[in-house]
Amino acid sequence: MSGYYYYYYSGCQDQYDAHYLDACSLCRKSLHNSDIFMYRGNTPFCSKECRQEQIEIDEAREKNWRSGRSLRKSDAQNSAANKTVRTGTVAVA
């Protein structure tokens, strides 16, 4: 029975959507009559391996986001520290 999906009524007349527990979030394999491995509360996976791969993807993305954020922050601090600020009166003719 692989390839069969269960549908639920989404609240709109004549509109049915596939249920989010029908397929693995990573490889899209059917989850019908199989164990489901959940991650972050509502993300289903067909195996521990698929779930672990998604965890690693999320950790790498989060690490890149953090490092990019800290680089921007340190760049702003460095550029502000290297600027010369002149004070006084300016006369324009």
N, C-alpha and C. Protein backbone atom coordinates (compact mmCIF):
# COMPACT_ATOMS: atom_id res chain seq x y z
N MET A 1 0.80 -1.20 0.00
CA MET A 1 0.00 0.00 0.00
C MET A 1 0.84 1.26 0.00
N SER A 2 2.10 1.16 -0.34
CA SER A 2 2.89 2.38 -0.37
C SER A 2 2.38 3.30 -1.47
N GLY A 3 2.51 4.58 -1.25
CA GLY A 3 2.01 5.54 -2.23
C GLY A 3 0.62 6.05 -1.89
N TYR A 4 -0.04 5.42 -0.92
CA TYR A 4 -1.36 5.88 -0.50
C TYR A 4 -1.20 6.94 0.58
N TYR A 5 -1.95 7.96 0.48
CA TYR A 5 -1.90 9.03 1.48
C TYR A 5 -3.29 9.25 2.04
N TYR A 6 -3.35 9.58 3.31
CA TYR A 6 -4.61 9.91 3.93
C TYR A 6 -4.80 11.41 3.82
N TYR A 7 -6.00 11.82 3.60
CA TYR A 7 -6.30 13.23 3.44
C TYR A 7 -7.23 13.69 4.55
N TYR A 8 -7.10 14.92 4.94
CA TYR A 8 -7.98 15.49 5.95
C TYR A 8 -8.62 16.75 5.39
N TYR A 9 -9.74 17.07 5.95
CA TYR A 9 -10.48 18.25 5.51
C TYR A 9 -9.87 19.48 6.15
N SER A 10 -9.46 20.45 5.34
CA SER A 10 -8.76 21.63 5.83
C SER A 10 -9.70 22.76 6.25
N GLY A 11 -11.00 22.58 6.09
CA GLY A 11 -11.93 23.62 6.49
C GLY A 11 -12.54 24.37 5.33
N CYS A 12 -11.99 24.23 4.16
CA CYS A 12 -12.53 24.90 2.98
C CYS A 12 -13.31 23.87 2.16
N GLN A 13 -14.43 24.29 1.66
CA GLN A 13 -15.27 23.39 0.89
C GLN A 13 -14.49 22.83 -0.31
N ASP A 14 -14.55 21.52 -0.50
CA ASP A 14 -13.90 20.81 -1.60
C ASP A 14 -12.38 20.92 -1.57
N GLN A 15 -11.79 21.14 -0.39
CA GLN A 15 -10.34 21.20 -0.31
C GLN A 15 -9.85 20.22 0.75
N TYR A 16 -9.10 19.24 0.31
CA TYR A 16 -8.50 18.26 1.20
C TYR A 16 -7.00 18.31 0.99
N ASP A 17 -6.25 18.26 2.09
CA ASP A 17 -4.80 18.32 2.03
C ASP A 17 -4.22 17.03 2.60
N ALA A 18 -3.03 16.65 2.14
CA ALA A 18 -2.35 15.49 2.69
C ALA A 18 -1.98 15.79 4.14
N HIS A 19 -2.11 14.79 5.00
CA HIS A 19 -1.75 14.96 6.40
C HIS A 19 -0.24 15.00 6.55
N TYR A 20 0.27 15.80 7.46
CA TYR A 20 1.71 15.98 7.58
C TYR A 20 2.42 14.72 8.05
N LEU A 21 1.72 13.75 8.62
CA LEU A 21 2.34 12.50 9.06
C LEU A 21 2.34 11.43 7.98
N ASP A 22 2.01 11.78 6.75
CA ASP A 22 1.97 10.80 5.67
C ASP A 22 3.34 10.46 5.11
N ALA A 23 4.29 11.37 5.17
CA ALA A 23 5.59 11.14 4.54
C ALA A 23 6.72 11.70 5.39
N CYS A 24 7.88 11.09 5.26
CA CYS A 24 9.09 11.54 5.93
C CYS A 24 9.42 12.96 5.47
N SER A 25 9.78 13.81 6.40
CA SER A 25 10.08 15.20 6.07
C SER A 25 11.37 15.35 5.27
N LEU A 26 12.24 14.36 5.32
CA LEU A 26 13.51 14.47 4.61
C LEU A 26 13.48 13.74 3.26
N CYS A 27 13.15 12.45 3.29
CA CYS A 27 13.23 11.66 2.05
C CYS A 27 11.88 11.45 1.37
N ARG A 28 10.80 11.90 2.00
CA ARG A 28 9.42 11.82 1.47
C ARG A 28 8.88 10.39 1.39
N LYS A 29 9.54 9.42 2.03
CA LYS A 29 9.07 8.04 2.07
C LYS A 29 7.75 7.98 2.85
N SER A 30 6.84 7.14 2.39
CA SER A 30 5.55 6.99 3.06
C SER A 30 5.74 6.49 4.49
N LEU A 31 4.94 7.01 5.40
CA LEU A 31 5.00 6.60 6.80
C LEU A 31 3.83 5.69 7.18
N HIS A 32 3.05 5.28 6.20
CA HIS A 32 1.89 4.42 6.43
C HIS A 32 2.33 3.08 7.00
N ASN A 33 1.75 2.67 8.12
CA ASN A 33 2.04 1.40 8.79
C ASN A 33 3.52 1.23 9.14
N SER A 34 4.18 2.29 9.58
CA SER A 34 5.58 2.18 10.00
C SER A 34 5.81 3.07 11.22
N ASP A 35 6.94 2.85 11.86
CA ASP A 35 7.31 3.69 13.00
C ASP A 35 7.57 5.11 12.50
N ILE A 36 7.26 6.07 13.35
CA ILE A 36 7.49 7.47 13.01
C ILE A 36 8.42 8.05 14.06
N PHE A 37 9.48 8.66 13.61
CA PHE A 37 10.46 9.28 14.49
C PHE A 37 10.27 10.80 14.40
N MET A 38 9.85 11.39 15.52
CA MET A 38 9.53 12.81 15.52
C MET A 38 10.73 13.66 15.95
N TYR A 39 10.75 14.90 15.46
CA TYR A 39 11.81 15.85 15.79
C TYR A 39 11.18 17.23 15.92
N ARG A 40 11.58 17.94 16.95
CA ARG A 40 11.06 19.29 17.24
C ARG A 40 9.54 19.33 17.30
N GLY A 41 8.97 18.31 17.85
CA GLY A 41 7.54 18.30 18.13
C GLY A 41 6.63 17.87 17.01
N ASN A 42 6.83 18.36 15.79
CA ASN A 42 5.86 18.06 14.74
C ASN A 42 6.48 17.73 13.39
N THR A 43 7.73 17.27 13.39
CA THR A 43 8.38 16.94 12.12
C THR A 43 8.63 15.43 12.08
N PRO A 44 7.93 14.71 11.20
CA PRO A 44 8.04 13.24 11.17
C PRO A 44 9.15 12.74 10.24
N PHE A 45 9.78 11.63 10.66
CA PHE A 45 10.82 10.99 9.86
C PHE A 45 10.59 9.49 9.85
N CYS A 46 11.07 8.84 8.79
CA CYS A 46 10.85 7.39 8.63
C CYS A 46 11.87 6.57 9.39
N SER A 47 13.00 7.16 9.77
CA SER A 47 14.05 6.40 10.45
C SER A 47 14.87 7.32 11.36
N LYS A 48 15.62 6.68 12.25
CA LYS A 48 16.52 7.45 13.11
C LYS A 48 17.57 8.17 12.26
N GLU A 49 17.98 7.54 11.16
CA GLU A 49 19.00 8.12 10.30
C GLU A 49 18.50 9.41 9.63
N CYS A 50 17.28 9.39 9.11
CA CYS A 50 16.72 10.60 8.49
C CYS A 50 16.58 11.71 9.53
N ARG A 51 16.11 11.35 10.71
CA ARG A 51 15.95 12.35 11.77
C ARG A 51 17.32 12.93 12.15
N GLN A 52 18.34 12.07 12.29
CA GLN A 52 19.67 12.53 12.66
C GLN A 52 20.25 13.44 11.58
N GLU A 53 20.02 13.11 10.32
CA GLU A 53 20.51 13.96 9.23
C GLU A 53 19.89 15.35 9.30
N GLN A 54 18.58 15.42 9.61
CA GLN A 54 17.92 16.72 9.74
C GLN A 54 18.46 17.49 10.94
N ILE A 55 18.74 16.79 12.04
CA ILE A 55 19.32 17.44 13.22
C ILE A 55 20.66 18.05 12.86
N GLU A 56 21.49 17.31 12.11
CA GLU A 56 22.80 17.82 11.72
C GLU A 56 22.69 19.00 10.77
N ILE A 57 21.73 18.95 9.86
CA ILE A 57 21.49 20.07 8.94
C ILE A 57 21.10 21.32 9.74
N ASP A 58 20.18 21.14 10.71
CA ASP A 58 19.74 22.27 11.52
C ASP A 58 20.87 22.84 12.37
N GLU A 59 21.71 21.95 12.94
CA GLU A 59 22.83 22.42 13.76
C GLU A 59 23.84 23.19 12.92
N ALA A 60 24.13 22.71 11.71
CA ALA A 60 25.06 23.41 10.82
C ALA A 60 24.49 24.77 10.43
N ARG A 61 23.21 24.83 10.11
CA ARG A 61 22.56 26.09 9.73
C ARG A 61 22.60 27.07 10.90
N GLU A 62 22.33 26.56 12.10
CA GLU A 62 22.35 27.41 13.29
C GLU A 62 23.77 27.91 13.58
N LYS A 63 24.76 27.04 13.40
CA LYS A 63 26.16 27.43 13.62
C LYS A 63 26.57 28.50 12.62
N ASN A 64 26.19 28.35 11.35
CA ASN A 64 26.50 29.35 10.33
C ASN A 64 25.83 30.67 10.64
N TRP A 65 24.59 30.61 11.10
CA TRP A 65 23.85 31.83 11.43
C TRP A 65 24.54 32.56 12.58
N ARG A 66 24.94 31.78 13.60
CA ARG A 66 25.61 32.39 14.75
C ARG A 66 26.95 32.98 14.37
N SER A 67 27.74 32.25 13.57
CA SER A 67 29.06 32.76 13.20
C SER A 67 28.93 33.99 12.31
N GLY A 68 27.98 34.00 11.41
CA GLY A 68 27.74 35.17 10.57
C GLY A 68 27.31 36.36 11.39
N ARG A 69 26.50 36.10 12.38
CA ARG A 69 26.03 37.18 13.26
C ARG A 69 27.17 37.74 14.09
N SER A 70 28.05 36.87 14.63
CA SER A 70 29.16 37.35 15.45
C SER A 70 30.19 38.08 14.59
N LEU A 71 30.37 37.64 13.33
CA LEU A 71 31.29 38.34 12.43
C LEU A 71 30.79 39.74 12.14
N ARG A 72 29.50 39.87 11.86
CA ARG A 72 28.93 41.21 11.59
C ARG A 72 29.09 42.10 12.81
N LYS A 73 28.88 41.53 13.99
CA LYS A 73 28.98 42.30 15.22
C LYS A 73 30.42 42.75 15.45
N SER A 74 31.39 41.84 15.25
CA SER A 74 32.79 42.21 15.45
C SER A 74 33.25 43.19 14.37
N ASP A 75 32.76 43.06 13.13
CA ASP A 75 33.09 44.01 12.07
C ASP A 75 32.60 45.41 12.43
N ALA A 76 31.42 45.50 12.96
CA ALA A 76 30.86 46.80 13.35
C ALA A 76 31.69 47.42 14.47
N GLN A 77 32.11 46.59 15.42
CA GLN A 77 32.93 47.11 16.52
C GLN A 77 34.29 47.56 16.01
N ASN A 78 34.90 46.77 15.12
CA ASN A 78 36.22 47.12 14.58
C ASN A 78 36.15 48.37 13.73
N SER A 79 35.12 48.50 12.90
CA SER A 79 35.03 49.67 12.04
C SER A 79 34.78 50.93 12.87
N ALA A 80 34.02 50.83 13.93
CA ALA A 80 33.77 51.98 14.79
C ALA A 80 35.04 52.37 15.55
N ALA A 81 35.85 51.37 15.93
CA ALA A 81 37.08 51.65 16.69
C ALA A 81 38.14 52.29 15.82
N ASN A 82 38.15 52.01 14.53
CA ASN A 82 39.17 52.52 13.62
C ASN A 82 38.82 53.87 12.99
N LYS A 83 37.68 54.41 13.26
CA LYS A 83 37.27 55.67 12.65
C LYS A 83 37.74 56.84 13.50
N THR A 84 38.14 57.89 12.81
CA THR A 84 38.54 59.11 13.48
C THR A 84 37.36 60.07 13.43
N VAL A 85 37.04 60.60 14.57
CA VAL A 85 35.94 61.54 14.65
C VAL A 85 36.52 62.92 14.91
N ARG A 86 36.22 63.86 14.05
CA ARG A 86 36.70 65.24 14.21
C ARG A 86 35.57 66.10 14.76
N THR A 87 35.91 66.89 15.71
CA THR A 87 34.91 67.80 16.28
C THR A 87 35.37 69.24 16.04
N GLY A 88 34.49 70.15 15.99
CA GLY A 88 34.85 71.55 15.78
C GLY A 88 33.86 72.22 14.85
N THR A 89 34.24 73.38 14.37
CA THR A 89 33.40 74.18 13.51
C THR A 89 33.82 74.00 12.06
N VAL A 90 32.84 73.87 11.18
CA VAL A 90 33.13 73.75 9.75
C VAL A 90 32.56 75.00 9.08
N ALA A 91 33.40 75.67 8.28
CA ALA A 91 32.94 76.84 7.54
C ALA A 91 32.86 76.48 6.07
N VAL A 92 31.72 76.73 5.46
CA VAL A 92 31.51 76.44 4.04
C VAL A 92 31.30 77.75 3.32
N ALA A 93 32.04 77.96 2.24
CA ALA A 93 31.92 79.22 1.52
C ALA A 93 31.14 79.04 0.24
